[in-house]
Amino acid sequence: MTSYVTSSARSEMSELRRLKSLLPPEMQSWVTVEGTTEINPPLIRCEEIGKDQVEIQIDLVRWDQLALDQRNLVFWHEVARIQNDTIPKDGWEMAALAIGLGGAVGELWVQDGLLLLLALALCGVSGWRLYQKNNGERTIKEAIDADEKAIALAVRFGYTLPNAYKSLGSALKTLLDQSNNKRQRSRYEARLQALKRSANKAKAKAKAERGEEF
Protein backbone atom coordinates (compact mmCIF):
# COMPACT_ATOMS: atom_id res chain seq x y z
CA MET A 1 0.00 0.00 0.00
CA THR A 2 2.78 2.40 0.94
CA SER A 3 4.60 1.56 -2.28
CA TYR A 4 1.46 2.30 -4.33
CA VAL A 5 0.92 5.65 -2.62
CA THR A 6 4.57 6.59 -3.13
CA SER A 7 4.42 5.56 -6.79
CA SER A 8 1.21 7.54 -7.29
CA ALA A 9 2.70 10.63 -5.67
CA ARG A 10 5.79 10.39 -7.87
CA SER A 11 3.63 10.02 -10.96
CA GLU A 12 1.62 13.10 -10.02
CA MET A 13 4.75 15.16 -9.37
CA SER A 14 6.18 14.02 -12.69
CA GLU A 15 3.02 15.12 -14.50
CA LEU A 16 3.02 18.51 -12.79
CA ARG A 17 6.65 19.05 -13.83
CA ARG A 18 5.81 17.99 -17.38
CA LEU A 19 2.94 20.48 -17.54
CA LYS A 20 5.16 23.20 -16.14
CA SER A 21 7.49 22.59 -19.08
CA LEU A 22 4.55 23.20 -21.45
CA LEU A 23 4.23 26.77 -20.25
CA PRO A 24 5.67 29.34 -22.66
CA PRO A 25 9.06 30.47 -21.27
CA GLU A 26 7.79 33.98 -20.68
CA MET A 27 5.14 32.63 -18.26
CA GLN A 28 7.19 30.14 -16.27
CA SER A 29 8.30 32.65 -13.64
CA TRP A 30 4.80 33.74 -12.61
CA VAL A 31 2.50 30.79 -13.38
CA THR A 32 2.56 27.67 -11.20
CA VAL A 33 0.91 24.27 -11.73
CA GLU A 34 -0.46 22.34 -8.75
CA GLY A 35 -2.78 19.45 -7.98
CA THR A 36 -5.96 20.53 -6.21
CA THR A 37 -6.96 19.11 -2.81
CA GLU A 38 -10.59 20.23 -2.98
CA ILE A 39 -13.59 17.90 -2.91
CA ASN A 40 -15.30 17.59 -6.32
CA PRO A 41 -13.14 20.26 -8.00
CA PRO A 42 -13.31 21.18 -11.70
CA LEU A 43 -10.88 19.28 -13.91
CA ILE A 44 -8.70 22.36 -14.37
CA ARG A 45 -8.94 26.02 -13.46
CA CYS A 46 -6.85 29.14 -12.95
CA GLU A 47 -6.74 31.33 -9.88
CA GLU A 48 -4.88 34.49 -8.97
CA ILE A 49 -2.84 33.79 -5.83
CA GLY A 50 -1.13 37.12 -5.48
CA LYS A 51 0.06 40.14 -7.36
CA ASP A 52 1.23 39.00 -10.80
CA GLN A 53 0.99 35.34 -9.73
CA VAL A 54 -1.39 32.78 -11.20
CA GLU A 55 -1.87 29.12 -10.27
CA ILE A 56 -3.29 26.43 -12.55
CA GLN A 57 -5.04 23.85 -10.38
CA ILE A 58 -5.70 20.33 -11.69
CA ASP A 59 -7.77 17.41 -10.44
CA LEU A 60 -5.07 14.83 -11.08
CA VAL A 61 -7.39 11.84 -10.57
CA ARG A 62 -9.66 12.87 -13.47
CA TRP A 63 -6.71 14.29 -15.39
CA ASP A 64 -5.12 10.85 -15.53
CA GLN A 65 -8.16 9.55 -17.42
CA LEU A 66 -7.37 11.73 -20.44
CA ALA A 67 -4.92 10.78 -23.18
CA LEU A 68 -1.64 12.69 -23.25
CA ASP A 69 -2.49 14.82 -26.29
CA GLN A 70 -5.89 15.63 -24.79
CA ARG A 71 -4.24 16.79 -21.56
CA ASN A 72 -1.83 18.98 -23.47
CA LEU A 73 -4.54 20.83 -25.39
CA VAL A 74 -6.79 21.24 -22.34
CA PHE A 75 -3.79 22.63 -20.49
CA TRP A 76 -2.92 25.04 -23.30
CA HIS A 77 -6.54 26.19 -23.35
CA GLU A 78 -6.10 27.28 -19.74
CA VAL A 79 -2.76 28.90 -20.55
CA ALA A 80 -4.49 30.79 -23.35
CA ARG A 81 -7.11 32.06 -20.91
CA ILE A 82 -4.31 33.49 -18.79
CA GLN A 83 -2.74 35.12 -21.84
CA ASN A 84 -6.13 36.57 -22.83
CA ASP A 85 -6.63 37.86 -19.28
CA THR A 86 -10.02 36.12 -18.96
CA ILE A 87 -9.45 34.15 -15.75
CA PRO A 88 -11.68 35.02 -12.76
CA LYS A 89 -10.39 37.93 -10.72
CA ASP A 90 -10.67 38.40 -6.97
CA GLY A 91 -14.41 38.73 -6.51
CA TRP A 92 -15.16 42.09 -4.93
CA GLU A 93 -18.57 42.26 -6.58
CA MET A 94 -20.49 40.09 -4.12
CA ALA A 95 -19.04 41.96 -1.15
CA ALA A 96 -19.84 45.31 -2.76
CA LEU A 97 -23.39 44.17 -3.55
CA ALA A 98 -23.92 43.09 0.05
CA ILE A 99 -22.56 46.40 1.35
CA GLY A 100 -24.72 48.34 -1.08
CA LEU A 101 -27.88 46.47 -0.16
CA GLY A 102 -27.15 46.83 3.53
CA GLY A 103 -26.46 50.51 3.09
CA ALA A 104 -29.65 51.04 1.10
CA VAL A 105 -31.76 49.40 3.79
CA GLY A 106 -30.02 51.46 6.45
CA GLU A 107 -30.48 54.76 4.61
CA LEU A 108 -34.15 54.01 4.04
CA TRP A 109 -34.44 53.77 7.80
CA VAL A 110 -32.65 57.07 8.52
CA GLN A 111 -34.00 58.70 5.33
CA ASP A 112 -30.72 60.13 4.04
CA GLY A 113 -31.36 60.62 0.32
CA LEU A 114 -27.75 61.19 -0.80
CA LEU A 115 -26.36 58.13 0.98
CA LEU A 116 -29.28 56.08 -0.32
CA LEU A 117 -28.39 57.07 -3.89
CA LEU A 118 -24.74 56.16 -3.28
CA ALA A 119 -25.73 52.77 -1.87
CA LEU A 120 -28.02 52.09 -4.84
CA ALA A 121 -25.24 53.12 -7.25
CA LEU A 122 -22.89 50.64 -5.57
CA CYS A 123 -25.53 47.94 -5.96
CA GLY A 124 -25.94 48.82 -9.62
CA VAL A 125 -22.23 48.72 -10.46
CA SER A 126 -21.54 45.48 -8.60
CA GLY A 127 -24.68 43.86 -10.01
CA TRP A 128 -23.69 44.78 -13.56
CA ARG A 129 -20.20 43.38 -13.03
CA LEU A 130 -21.65 40.12 -11.74
CA TYR A 131 -23.92 39.91 -14.78
CA GLN A 132 -20.97 40.45 -17.11
CA LYS A 133 -18.88 37.77 -15.38
CA ASN A 134 -21.69 35.22 -15.61
CA ASN A 135 -22.98 36.11 -19.07
CA GLY A 136 -23.26 32.87 -21.01
CA GLU A 137 -22.48 34.29 -24.47
CA ARG A 138 -19.42 36.11 -23.20
CA THR A 139 -18.17 33.00 -21.40
CA ILE A 140 -18.51 30.88 -24.54
CA LYS A 141 -16.79 33.51 -26.70
CA GLU A 142 -13.88 33.67 -24.25
CA ALA A 143 -13.60 29.86 -24.31
CA ILE A 144 -13.64 29.77 -28.12
CA ASP A 145 -10.97 32.49 -28.29
CA ALA A 146 -8.86 30.45 -25.84
CA ASP A 147 -9.32 27.34 -28.01
CA GLU A 148 -7.93 29.23 -31.00
CA LYS A 149 -4.90 30.35 -29.02
CA ALA A 150 -4.45 26.82 -27.60
CA ILE A 151 -4.13 25.54 -31.18
CA ALA A 152 -1.45 28.17 -31.84
CA LEU A 153 0.38 27.16 -28.64
CA ALA A 154 0.29 23.51 -29.66
CA VAL A 155 1.86 24.38 -33.01
CA ARG A 156 4.47 26.48 -31.18
CA PHE A 157 5.36 23.38 -29.14
CA GLY A 158 5.76 21.16 -32.19
CA TYR A 159 2.27 19.89 -33.11
CA THR A 160 1.15 19.92 -36.71
CA LEU A 161 -1.95 22.04 -37.22
CA PRO A 162 -4.19 19.03 -38.08
CA ASN A 163 -3.05 17.11 -34.99
CA ALA A 164 -3.61 20.14 -32.77
CA TYR A 165 -7.20 20.42 -33.97
CA LYS A 166 -7.78 16.67 -33.65
CA SER A 167 -6.37 16.53 -30.12
CA LEU A 168 -8.45 19.45 -28.87
CA GLY A 169 -11.57 18.14 -30.58
CA SER A 170 -11.03 14.71 -29.02
CA ALA A 171 -10.56 16.28 -25.58
CA LEU A 172 -13.74 18.34 -25.87
CA LYS A 173 -15.74 15.28 -26.97
CA THR A 174 -14.43 13.31 -24.00
CA LEU A 175 -15.28 16.11 -21.56
CA LEU A 176 -18.72 16.43 -23.16
CA ASP A 177 -19.37 12.72 -22.68
CA GLN A 178 -18.26 12.91 -19.04
CA SER A 179 -20.37 15.94 -18.14
CA ASN A 180 -23.86 15.69 -16.64
CA ASN A 181 -24.32 19.45 -16.32
CA LYS A 182 -26.65 20.79 -19.01
CA ARG A 183 -25.07 24.26 -19.16
CA GLN A 184 -21.56 22.83 -19.27
CA ARG A 185 -22.54 20.38 -22.01
CA SER A 186 -23.97 23.19 -24.14
CA ARG A 187 -20.68 25.09 -23.78
CA TYR A 188 -18.66 22.08 -24.88
CA GLU A 189 -20.98 21.63 -27.85
CA ALA A 190 -20.61 25.30 -28.84
CA ARG A 191 -16.83 25.02 -28.59
CA LEU A 192 -16.81 21.86 -30.72
CA GLN A 193 -18.90 23.54 -33.41
CA ALA A 194 -16.62 26.58 -33.43
CA LEU A 195 -13.54 24.33 -33.54
CA LYS A 196 -14.94 22.44 -36.50
CA ARG A 197 -15.57 25.69 -38.38
CA SER A 198 -12.06 26.89 -37.59
CA ALA A 199 -10.52 23.58 -38.72
CA ASN A 200 -12.44 23.73 -42.01
CA LYS A 201 -11.16 27.27 -42.63
CA ALA A 202 -7.60 26.18 -41.84
CA LYS A 203 -8.00 23.20 -44.17
CA ALA A 204 -9.27 25.36 -47.01
CA LYS A 205 -6.48 27.87 -46.49
CA ALA A 206 -3.82 25.14 -46.48
CA LYS A 207 -5.16 23.67 -49.71
CA ALA A 208 -5.28 27.08 -51.36
CA GLU A 209 -1.73 27.96 -50.32
CA ARG A 210 0.01 24.64 -50.88
CA GLY A 211 -2.41 22.52 -52.83
CA GLU A 212 -1.90 19.76 -50.25
CA GLU A 213 -4.27 17.59 -48.27
CA PHE A 214 -4.94 18.84 -44.71
C-alpha atoms as a PDB file:
ATOM      1  CA  MET A   1       0.000   0.000   0.000  1.00  0.00           C
ATOM      2  CA  THR A   2       2.776   2.398   0.940  1.00  0.00           C
ATOM      3  CA  SER A   3       4.603   1.558  -2.280  1.00  0.00           C
ATOM      4  CA  TYR A   4       1.458   2.301  -4.327  1.00  0.00           C
ATOM      5  CA  VAL A   5       0.925   5.652  -2.618  1.00  0.00           C
ATOM      6  CA  THR A   6       4.566   6.591  -3.134  1.00  0.00           C
ATOM      7  CA  SER A   7       4.417   5.560  -6.786  1.00  0.00           C
ATOM      8  CA  SER A   8       1.206   7.539  -7.290  1.00  0.00           C
ATOM      9  CA  ALA A   9       2.703  10.634  -5.665  1.00  0.00           C
ATOM     10  CA  ARG A  10       5.789  10.391  -7.867  1.00  0.00           C
ATOM     11  CA  SER A  11       3.631  10.019 -10.957  1.00  0.00           C
ATOM     12  CA  GLU A  12       1.623  13.105 -10.023  1.00  0.00           C
ATOM     13  CA  MET A  13       4.747  15.164  -9.375  1.00  0.00           C
ATOM     14  CA  SER A  14       6.180  14.024 -12.688  1.00  0.00           C
ATOM     15  CA  GLU A  15       3.022  15.120 -14.503  1.00  0.00           C
ATOM     16  CA  LEU A  16       3.024  18.513 -12.795  1.00  0.00           C
ATOM     17  CA  ARG A  17       6.654  19.048 -13.828  1.00  0.00           C
ATOM     18  CA  ARG A  18       5.809  17.992 -17.377  1.00  0.00           C
ATOM     19  CA  LEU A  19       2.942  20.479 -17.536  1.00  0.00           C
ATOM     20  CA  LYS A  20       5.165  23.200 -16.145  1.00  0.00           C
ATOM     21  CA  SER A  21       7.485  22.591 -19.083  1.00  0.00           C
ATOM     22  CA  LEU A  22       4.550  23.195 -21.445  1.00  0.00           C
ATOM     23  CA  LEU A  23       4.226  26.769 -20.252  1.00  0.00           C
ATOM     24  CA  PRO A  24       5.670  29.340 -22.661  1.00  0.00           C
ATOM     25  CA  PRO A  25       9.064  30.466 -21.275  1.00  0.00           C
ATOM     26  CA  GLU A  26       7.786  33.984 -20.680  1.00  0.00           C
ATOM     27  CA  MET A  27       5.139  32.627 -18.263  1.00  0.00           C
ATOM     28  CA  GLN A  28       7.192  30.136 -16.267  1.00  0.00           C
ATOM     29  CA  SER A  29       8.301  32.651 -13.640  1.00  0.00           C
ATOM     30  CA  TRP A  30       4.800  33.745 -12.611  1.00  0.00           C
ATOM     31  CA  VAL A  31       2.497  30.793 -13.377  1.00  0.00           C
ATOM     32  CA  THR A  32       2.556  27.666 -11.196  1.00  0.00           C
ATOM     33  CA  VAL A  33       0.908  24.275 -11.735  1.00  0.00           C
ATOM     34  CA  GLU A  34      -0.458  22.345  -8.751  1.00  0.00           C
ATOM     35  CA  GLY A  35      -2.781  19.454  -7.980  1.00  0.00           C
ATOM     36  CA  THR A  36      -5.958  20.526  -6.206  1.00  0.00           C
ATOM     37  CA  THR A  37      -6.962  19.107  -2.810  1.00  0.00           C
ATOM     38  CA  GLU A  38     -10.594  20.228  -2.981  1.00  0.00           C
ATOM     39  CA  ILE A  39     -13.587  17.895  -2.911  1.00  0.00           C
ATOM     40  CA  ASN A  40     -15.298  17.591  -6.321  1.00  0.00           C
ATOM     41  CA  PRO A  41     -13.143  20.262  -8.001  1.00  0.00           C
ATOM     42  CA  PRO A  42     -13.308  21.181 -11.698  1.00  0.00           C
ATOM     43  CA  LEU A  43     -10.884  19.277 -13.915  1.00  0.00           C
ATOM     44  CA  ILE A  44      -8.698  22.355 -14.371  1.00  0.00           C
ATOM     45  CA  ARG A  45      -8.944  26.019 -13.462  1.00  0.00           C
ATOM     46  CA  CYS A  46      -6.846  29.140 -12.953  1.00  0.00           C
ATOM     47  CA  GLU A  47      -6.736  31.329  -9.883  1.00  0.00           C
ATOM     48  CA  GLU A  48      -4.875  34.491  -8.973  1.00  0.00           C
ATOM     49  CA  ILE A  49      -2.841  33.787  -5.828  1.00  0.00           C
ATOM     50  CA  GLY A  50      -1.129  37.123  -5.475  1.00  0.00           C
ATOM     51  CA  LYS A  51       0.061  40.142  -7.360  1.00  0.00           C
ATOM     52  CA  ASP A  52       1.228  39.001 -10.797  1.00  0.00           C
ATOM     53  CA  GLN A  53       0.994  35.339  -9.727  1.00  0.00           C
ATOM     54  CA  VAL A  54      -1.391  32.775 -11.203  1.00  0.00           C
ATOM     55  CA  GLU A  55      -1.870  29.119 -10.268  1.00  0.00           C
ATOM     56  CA  ILE A  56      -3.292  26.432 -12.552  1.00  0.00           C
ATOM     57  CA  GLN A  57      -5.045  23.848 -10.380  1.00  0.00           C
ATOM     58  CA  ILE A  58      -5.695  20.334 -11.687  1.00  0.00           C
ATOM     59  CA  ASP A  59      -7.770  17.410 -10.440  1.00  0.00           C
ATOM     60  CA  LEU A  60      -5.071  14.826 -11.083  1.00  0.00           C
ATOM     61  CA  VAL A  61      -7.390  11.837 -10.573  1.00  0.00           C
ATOM     62  CA  ARG A  62      -9.663  12.871 -13.469  1.00  0.00           C
ATOM     63  CA  TRP A  63      -6.714  14.288 -15.393  1.00  0.00           C
ATOM     64  CA  ASP A  64      -5.116  10.852 -15.534  1.00  0.00           C
ATOM     65  CA  GLN A  65      -8.160   9.549 -17.425  1.00  0.00           C
ATOM     66  CA  LEU A  66      -7.368  11.729 -20.442  1.00  0.00           C
ATOM     67  CA  ALA A  67      -4.922  10.781 -23.176  1.00  0.00           C
ATOM     68  CA  LEU A  68      -1.635  12.687 -23.252  1.00  0.00           C
ATOM     69  CA  ASP A  69      -2.494  14.819 -26.288  1.00  0.00           C
ATOM     70  CA  GLN A  70      -5.889  15.628 -24.786  1.00  0.00           C
ATOM     71  CA  ARG A  71      -4.243  16.790 -21.563  1.00  0.00           C
ATOM     72  CA  ASN A  72      -1.833  18.982 -23.469  1.00  0.00           C
ATOM     73  CA  LEU A  73      -4.537  20.834 -25.390  1.00  0.00           C
ATOM     74  CA  VAL A  74      -6.793  21.241 -22.344  1.00  0.00           C
ATOM     75  CA  PHE A  75      -3.787  22.633 -20.486  1.00  0.00           C
ATOM     76  CA  TRP A  76      -2.919  25.040 -23.302  1.00  0.00           C
ATOM     77  CA  HIS A  77      -6.538  26.194 -23.352  1.00  0.00           C
ATOM     78  CA  GLU A  78      -6.101  27.277 -19.743  1.00  0.00           C
ATOM     79  CA  VAL A  79      -2.757  28.902 -20.551  1.00  0.00           C
ATOM     80  CA  ALA A  80      -4.486  30.790 -23.350  1.00  0.00           C
ATOM     81  CA  ARG A  81      -7.110  32.065 -20.906  1.00  0.00           C
ATOM     82  CA  ILE A  82      -4.313  33.495 -18.789  1.00  0.00           C
ATOM     83  CA  GLN A  83      -2.742  35.118 -21.842  1.00  0.00           C
ATOM     84  CA  ASN A  84      -6.134  36.566 -22.833  1.00  0.00           C
ATOM     85  CA  ASP A  85      -6.633  37.861 -19.279  1.00  0.00           C
ATOM     86  CA  THR A  86     -10.019  36.120 -18.963  1.00  0.00           C
ATOM     87  CA  ILE A  87      -9.447  34.155 -15.753  1.00  0.00           C
ATOM     88  CA  PRO A  88     -11.676  35.020 -12.763  1.00  0.00           C
ATOM     89  CA  LYS A  89     -10.395  37.929 -10.716  1.00  0.00           C
ATOM     90  CA  ASP A  90     -10.674  38.399  -6.969  1.00  0.00           C
ATOM     91  CA  GLY A  91     -14.411  38.729  -6.515  1.00  0.00           C
ATOM     92  CA  TRP A  92     -15.161  42.091  -4.927  1.00  0.00           C
ATOM     93  CA  GLU A  93     -18.570  42.261  -6.581  1.00  0.00           C
ATOM     94  CA  MET A  94     -20.488  40.085  -4.119  1.00  0.00           C
ATOM     95  CA  ALA A  95     -19.041  41.959  -1.145  1.00  0.00           C
ATOM     96  CA  ALA A  96     -19.842  45.309  -2.760  1.00  0.00           C
ATOM     97  CA  LEU A  97     -23.386  44.171  -3.548  1.00  0.00           C
ATOM     98  CA  ALA A  98     -23.921  43.086   0.049  1.00  0.00           C
ATOM     99  CA  ILE A  99     -22.557  46.402   1.353  1.00  0.00           C
ATOM    100  CA  GLY A 100     -24.723  48.339  -1.081  1.00  0.00           C
ATOM    101  CA  LEU A 101     -27.877  46.473  -0.165  1.00  0.00           C
ATOM    102  CA  GLY A 102     -27.146  46.826   3.533  1.00  0.00           C
ATOM    103  CA  GLY A 103     -26.460  50.514   3.090  1.00  0.00           C
ATOM    104  CA  ALA A 104     -29.649  51.040   1.098  1.00  0.00           C
ATOM    105  CA  VAL A 105     -31.757  49.403   3.794  1.00  0.00           C
ATOM    106  CA  GLY A 106     -30.017  51.465   6.450  1.00  0.00           C
ATOM    107  CA  GLU A 107     -30.483  54.764   4.613  1.00  0.00           C
ATOM    108  CA  LEU A 108     -34.154  54.009   4.035  1.00  0.00           C
ATOM    109  CA  TRP A 109     -34.437  53.767   7.801  1.00  0.00           C
ATOM    110  CA  VAL A 110     -32.646  57.070   8.519  1.00  0.00           C
ATOM    111  CA  GLN A 111     -33.998  58.702   5.329  1.00  0.00           C
ATOM    112  CA  ASP A 112     -30.715  60.128   4.045  1.00  0.00           C
ATOM    113  CA  GLY A 113     -31.358  60.617   0.323  1.00  0.00           C
ATOM    114  CA  LEU A 114     -27.746  61.189  -0.802  1.00  0.00           C
ATOM    115  CA  LEU A 115     -26.358  58.129   0.983  1.00  0.00           C
ATOM    116  CA  LEU A 116     -29.283  56.082  -0.317  1.00  0.00           C
ATOM    117  CA  LEU A 117     -28.386  57.074  -3.893  1.00  0.00           C
ATOM    118  CA  LEU A 118     -24.735  56.164  -3.284  1.00  0.00           C
ATOM    119  CA  ALA A 119     -25.731  52.770  -1.869  1.00  0.00           C
ATOM    120  CA  LEU A 120     -28.019  52.089  -4.844  1.00  0.00           C
ATOM    121  CA  ALA A 121     -25.241  53.125  -7.248  1.00  0.00           C
ATOM    122  CA  LEU A 122     -22.889  50.641  -5.573  1.00  0.00           C
ATOM    123  CA  CYS A 123     -25.528  47.942  -5.960  1.00  0.00           C
ATOM    124  CA  GLY A 124     -25.944  48.819  -9.622  1.00  0.00           C
ATOM    125  CA  VAL A 125     -22.231  48.724 -10.459  1.00  0.00           C
ATOM    126  CA  SER A 126     -21.541  45.480  -8.603  1.00  0.00           C
ATOM    127  CA  GLY A 127     -24.683  43.858 -10.009  1.00  0.00           C
ATOM    128  CA  TRP A 128     -23.686  44.775 -13.557  1.00  0.00           C
ATOM    129  CA  ARG A 129     -20.196  43.379 -13.029  1.00  0.00           C
ATOM    130  CA  LEU A 130     -21.652  40.115 -11.739  1.00  0.00           C
ATOM    131  CA  TYR A 131     -23.922  39.910 -14.781  1.00  0.00           C
ATOM    132  CA  GLN A 132     -20.973  40.455 -17.113  1.00  0.00           C
ATOM    133  CA  LYS A 133     -18.884  37.774 -15.382  1.00  0.00           C
ATOM    134  CA  ASN A 134     -21.689  35.218 -15.610  1.00  0.00           C
ATOM    135  CA  ASN A 135     -22.982  36.113 -19.069  1.00  0.00           C
ATOM    136  CA  GLY A 136     -23.263  32.874 -21.015  1.00  0.00           C
ATOM    137  CA  GLU A 137     -22.480  34.286 -24.470  1.00  0.00           C
ATOM    138  CA  ARG A 138     -19.423  36.112 -23.204  1.00  0.00           C
ATOM    139  CA  THR A 139     -18.174  33.001 -21.400  1.00  0.00           C
ATOM    140  CA  ILE A 140     -18.508  30.877 -24.542  1.00  0.00           C
ATOM    141  CA  LYS A 141     -16.790  33.511 -26.702  1.00  0.00           C
ATOM    142  CA  GLU A 142     -13.878  33.666 -24.255  1.00  0.00           C
ATOM    143  CA  ALA A 143     -13.602  29.865 -24.313  1.00  0.00           C
ATOM    144  CA  ILE A 144     -13.643  29.771 -28.124  1.00  0.00           C
ATOM    145  CA  ASP A 145     -10.973  32.487 -28.294  1.00  0.00           C
ATOM    146  CA  ALA A 146      -8.860  30.451 -25.842  1.00  0.00           C
ATOM    147  CA  ASP A 147      -9.318  27.340 -28.009  1.00  0.00           C
ATOM    148  CA  GLU A 148      -7.930  29.235 -31.002  1.00  0.00           C
ATOM    149  CA  LYS A 149      -4.904  30.347 -29.025  1.00  0.00           C
ATOM    150  CA  ALA A 150      -4.454  26.818 -27.598  1.00  0.00           C
ATOM    151  CA  ILE A 151      -4.133  25.541 -31.175  1.00  0.00           C
ATOM    152  CA  ALA A 152      -1.447  28.168 -31.836  1.00  0.00           C
ATOM    153  CA  LEU A 153       0.379  27.161 -28.643  1.00  0.00           C
ATOM    154  CA  ALA A 154       0.291  23.510 -29.661  1.00  0.00           C
ATOM    155  CA  VAL A 155       1.855  24.381 -33.014  1.00  0.00           C
ATOM    156  CA  ARG A 156       4.467  26.478 -31.185  1.00  0.00           C
ATOM    157  CA  PHE A 157       5.361  23.384 -29.142  1.00  0.00           C
ATOM    158  CA  GLY A 158       5.763  21.158 -32.192  1.00  0.00           C
ATOM    159  CA  TYR A 159       2.273  19.888 -33.106  1.00  0.00           C
ATOM    160  CA  THR A 160       1.148  19.921 -36.706  1.00  0.00           C
ATOM    161  CA  LEU A 161      -1.950  22.038 -37.219  1.00  0.00           C
ATOM    162  CA  PRO A 162      -4.191  19.030 -38.083  1.00  0.00           C
ATOM    163  CA  ASN A 163      -3.050  17.115 -34.990  1.00  0.00           C
ATOM    164  CA  ALA A 164      -3.613  20.136 -32.774  1.00  0.00           C
ATOM    165  CA  TYR A 165      -7.201  20.416 -33.975  1.00  0.00           C
ATOM    166  CA  LYS A 166      -7.776  16.665 -33.652  1.00  0.00           C
ATOM    167  CA  SER A 167      -6.369  16.530 -30.119  1.00  0.00           C
ATOM    168  CA  LEU A 168      -8.451  19.454 -28.869  1.00  0.00           C
ATOM    169  CA  GLY A 169     -11.570  18.139 -30.578  1.00  0.00           C
ATOM    170  CA  SER A 170     -11.025  14.713 -29.019  1.00  0.00           C
ATOM    171  CA  ALA A 171     -10.558  16.285 -25.583  1.00  0.00           C
ATOM    172  CA  LEU A 172     -13.744  18.341 -25.872  1.00  0.00           C
ATOM    173  CA  LYS A 173     -15.736  15.284 -26.972  1.00  0.00           C
ATOM    174  CA  THR A 174     -14.428  13.306 -24.000  1.00  0.00           C
ATOM    175  CA  LEU A 175     -15.279  16.108 -21.563  1.00  0.00           C
ATOM    176  CA  LEU A 176     -18.719  16.425 -23.158  1.00  0.00           C
ATOM    177  CA  ASP A 177     -19.373  12.720 -22.680  1.00  0.00           C
ATOM    178  CA  GLN A 178     -18.262  12.910 -19.044  1.00  0.00           C
ATOM    179  CA  SER A 179     -20.371  15.939 -18.140  1.00  0.00           C
ATOM    180  CA  ASN A 180     -23.857  15.686 -16.644  1.00  0.00           C
ATOM    181  CA  ASN A 181     -24.318  19.447 -16.315  1.00  0.00           C
ATOM    182  CA  LYS A 182     -26.651  20.789 -19.013  1.00  0.00           C
ATOM    183  CA  ARG A 183     -25.066  24.257 -19.164  1.00  0.00           C
ATOM    184  CA  GLN A 184     -21.565  22.832 -19.265  1.00  0.00           C
ATOM    185  CA  ARG A 185     -22.537  20.380 -22.011  1.00  0.00           C
ATOM    186  CA  SER A 186     -23.967  23.194 -24.136  1.00  0.00           C
ATOM    187  CA  ARG A 187     -20.684  25.093 -23.779  1.00  0.00           C
ATOM    188  CA  TYR A 188     -18.659  22.081 -24.881  1.00  0.00           C
ATOM    189  CA  GLU A 189     -20.979  21.632 -27.854  1.00  0.00           C
ATOM    190  CA  ALA A 190     -20.607  25.296 -28.837  1.00  0.00           C
ATOM    191  CA  ARG A 191     -16.826  25.015 -28.593  1.00  0.00           C
ATOM    192  CA  LEU A 192     -16.813  21.859 -30.717  1.00  0.00           C
ATOM    193  CA  GLN A 193     -18.901  23.541 -33.405  1.00  0.00           C
ATOM    194  CA  ALA A 194     -16.617  26.576 -33.431  1.00  0.00           C
ATOM    195  CA  LEU A 195     -13.543  24.331 -33.535  1.00  0.00           C
ATOM    196  CA  LYS A 196     -14.937  22.444 -36.500  1.00  0.00           C
ATOM    197  CA  ARG A 197     -15.574  25.688 -38.380  1.00  0.00           C
ATOM    198  CA  SER A 198     -12.058  26.888 -37.590  1.00  0.00           C
ATOM    199  CA  ALA A 199     -10.523  23.581 -38.721  1.00  0.00           C
ATOM    200  CA  ASN A 200     -12.441  23.734 -42.007  1.00  0.00           C
ATOM    201  CA  LYS A 201     -11.155  27.273 -42.626  1.00  0.00           C
ATOM    202  CA  ALA A 202      -7.597  26.181 -41.844  1.00  0.00           C
ATOM    203  CA  LYS A 203      -8.001  23.200 -44.169  1.00  0.00           C
ATOM    204  CA  ALA A 204      -9.271  25.356 -47.010  1.00  0.00           C
ATOM    205  CA  LYS A 205      -6.475  27.870 -46.491  1.00  0.00           C
ATOM    206  CA  ALA A 206      -3.821  25.143 -46.476  1.00  0.00           C
ATOM    207  CA  LYS A 207      -5.158  23.666 -49.708  1.00  0.00           C
ATOM    208  CA  ALA A 208      -5.281  27.081 -51.357  1.00  0.00           C
ATOM    209  CA  GLU A 209      -1.732  27.961 -50.320  1.00  0.00           C
ATOM    210  CA  ARG A 210       0.012  24.643 -50.885  1.00  0.00           C
ATOM    211  CA  GLY A 211      -2.414  22.520 -52.834  1.00  0.00           C
ATOM    212  CA  GLU A 212      -1.901  19.761 -50.249  1.00  0.00           C
ATOM    213  CA  GLU A 213      -4.268  17.591 -48.272  1.00  0.00           C
ATOM    214  CA  PHE A 214      -4.936  18.837 -44.710  1.00  0.00           C
END
